[in-house]
Amino acid sequence: MDFMGFGSYETAWSWLQKLRRAMVRPQRDKLSGEVEVDETYIGGVEIGKGKQGRGAETKTLVVVATECVGKQIGRVRFE
């Protein structure tokens, strides 16, 4: 069984907890300093169901921006 592209339920659950912790941090003002931004599309594998990847209609674009604090991640924003 596939859980949103993760190999197991435990991995999906672990990522959910990490994302929740990152999203509830105080000081929700704009990110500052060095910021890294990345994107991904989330949705399952759709074998044989039309266009795949970026153009697939059932996939959702997720953009993540994080503050870089040395070699650590600071505050995070998702869209």
Protein backbone atom coordinates (compact mmCIF):
# COMPACT_ATOMS: atom_id res chain seq x y z
CA MET A 1 0.00 0.00 0.00
CA ASP A 2 1.24 3.50 -0.87
CA PHE A 3 0.66 6.46 1.48
CA MET A 4 0.84 9.69 -0.58
CA GLY A 5 4.06 8.53 -2.20
CA PHE A 6 5.67 7.44 1.09
CA GLY A 7 6.73 3.83 1.47
CA SER A 8 4.89 3.16 4.71
CA TYR A 9 2.27 4.52 7.07
CA GLU A 10 4.97 5.16 9.69
CA THR A 11 6.96 7.38 7.31
CA ALA A 12 3.83 9.34 6.31
CA TRP A 13 2.90 9.78 9.99
CA SER A 14 6.42 10.96 10.88
CA TRP A 15 6.35 13.59 8.10
CA LEU A 16 2.90 14.75 9.17
CA GLN A 17 4.16 15.35 12.71
CA LYS A 18 7.23 17.25 11.44
CA LEU A 19 5.07 19.47 9.23
CA ARG A 20 2.62 20.19 12.07
CA ARG A 21 5.46 21.20 14.41
CA ALA A 22 6.94 23.48 11.76
CA MET A 23 3.60 25.16 11.06
CA VAL A 24 2.65 26.05 14.65
CA ARG A 25 5.79 27.94 15.60
CA PRO A 26 5.26 31.45 16.97
CA GLN A 27 6.34 34.63 15.15
CA ARG A 28 4.42 34.00 11.96
CA ASP A 29 5.70 37.17 10.31
CA LYS A 30 7.57 37.15 6.98
CA LEU A 31 10.67 34.99 6.61
CA SER A 32 13.94 36.89 6.61
CA GLY A 33 17.64 36.37 5.87
CA GLU A 34 18.59 33.52 3.55
CA VAL A 35 15.47 31.66 2.42
CA GLU A 36 15.30 28.46 0.34
CA VAL A 37 12.20 27.65 -1.70
CA ASP A 38 11.25 24.35 -3.32
CA GLU A 39 8.17 22.86 -4.93
CA THR A 40 6.63 19.44 -5.34
CA TYR A 41 3.42 17.90 -6.55
CA ILE A 42 1.53 15.64 -4.16
CA GLY A 43 -0.98 13.02 -5.19
CA GLY A 44 -0.61 9.30 -5.81
CA VAL A 45 0.77 7.42 -8.78
CA GLU A 46 -1.75 7.41 -11.62
CA ILE A 47 -0.68 4.66 -13.97
CA GLY A 48 -2.44 4.91 -17.31
CA LYS A 49 -4.73 7.80 -16.33
CA GLY A 50 -3.79 10.56 -18.75
CA LYS A 51 -1.05 13.12 -18.22
CA GLN A 52 1.51 12.35 -15.49
CA GLY A 53 3.73 14.59 -13.33
CA ARG A 54 3.30 18.38 -13.27
CA GLY A 55 0.35 18.41 -15.65
CA ALA A 56 -1.75 15.78 -13.90
CA GLU A 57 -5.10 17.19 -12.86
CA THR A 58 -5.35 15.36 -9.53
CA LYS A 59 -1.94 16.43 -8.21
CA THR A 60 -1.61 19.42 -5.87
CA LEU A 61 1.28 21.87 -6.08
CA VAL A 62 2.98 22.46 -2.73
CA VAL A 63 5.57 25.22 -2.32
CA VAL A 64 7.78 25.28 0.79
CA ALA A 65 9.95 28.19 1.92
CA THR A 66 12.38 27.82 4.83
CA GLU A 67 14.75 30.17 6.61
CA CYS A 68 18.36 28.98 6.61
CA VAL A 69 19.96 29.39 10.03
CA GLY A 70 23.49 28.10 9.54
CA LYS A 71 23.09 24.43 8.64
CA GLN A 72 19.70 24.22 10.33
CA ILE A 73 16.18 25.03 9.17
CA GLY A 74 14.45 27.97 10.79
CA ARG A 75 10.83 28.96 10.27
CA VAL A 76 8.83 27.31 7.48
CA ARG A 77 5.97 28.47 5.25
CA PHE A 78 3.78 26.29 3.00
CA GLU A 79 1.48 27.29 0.16
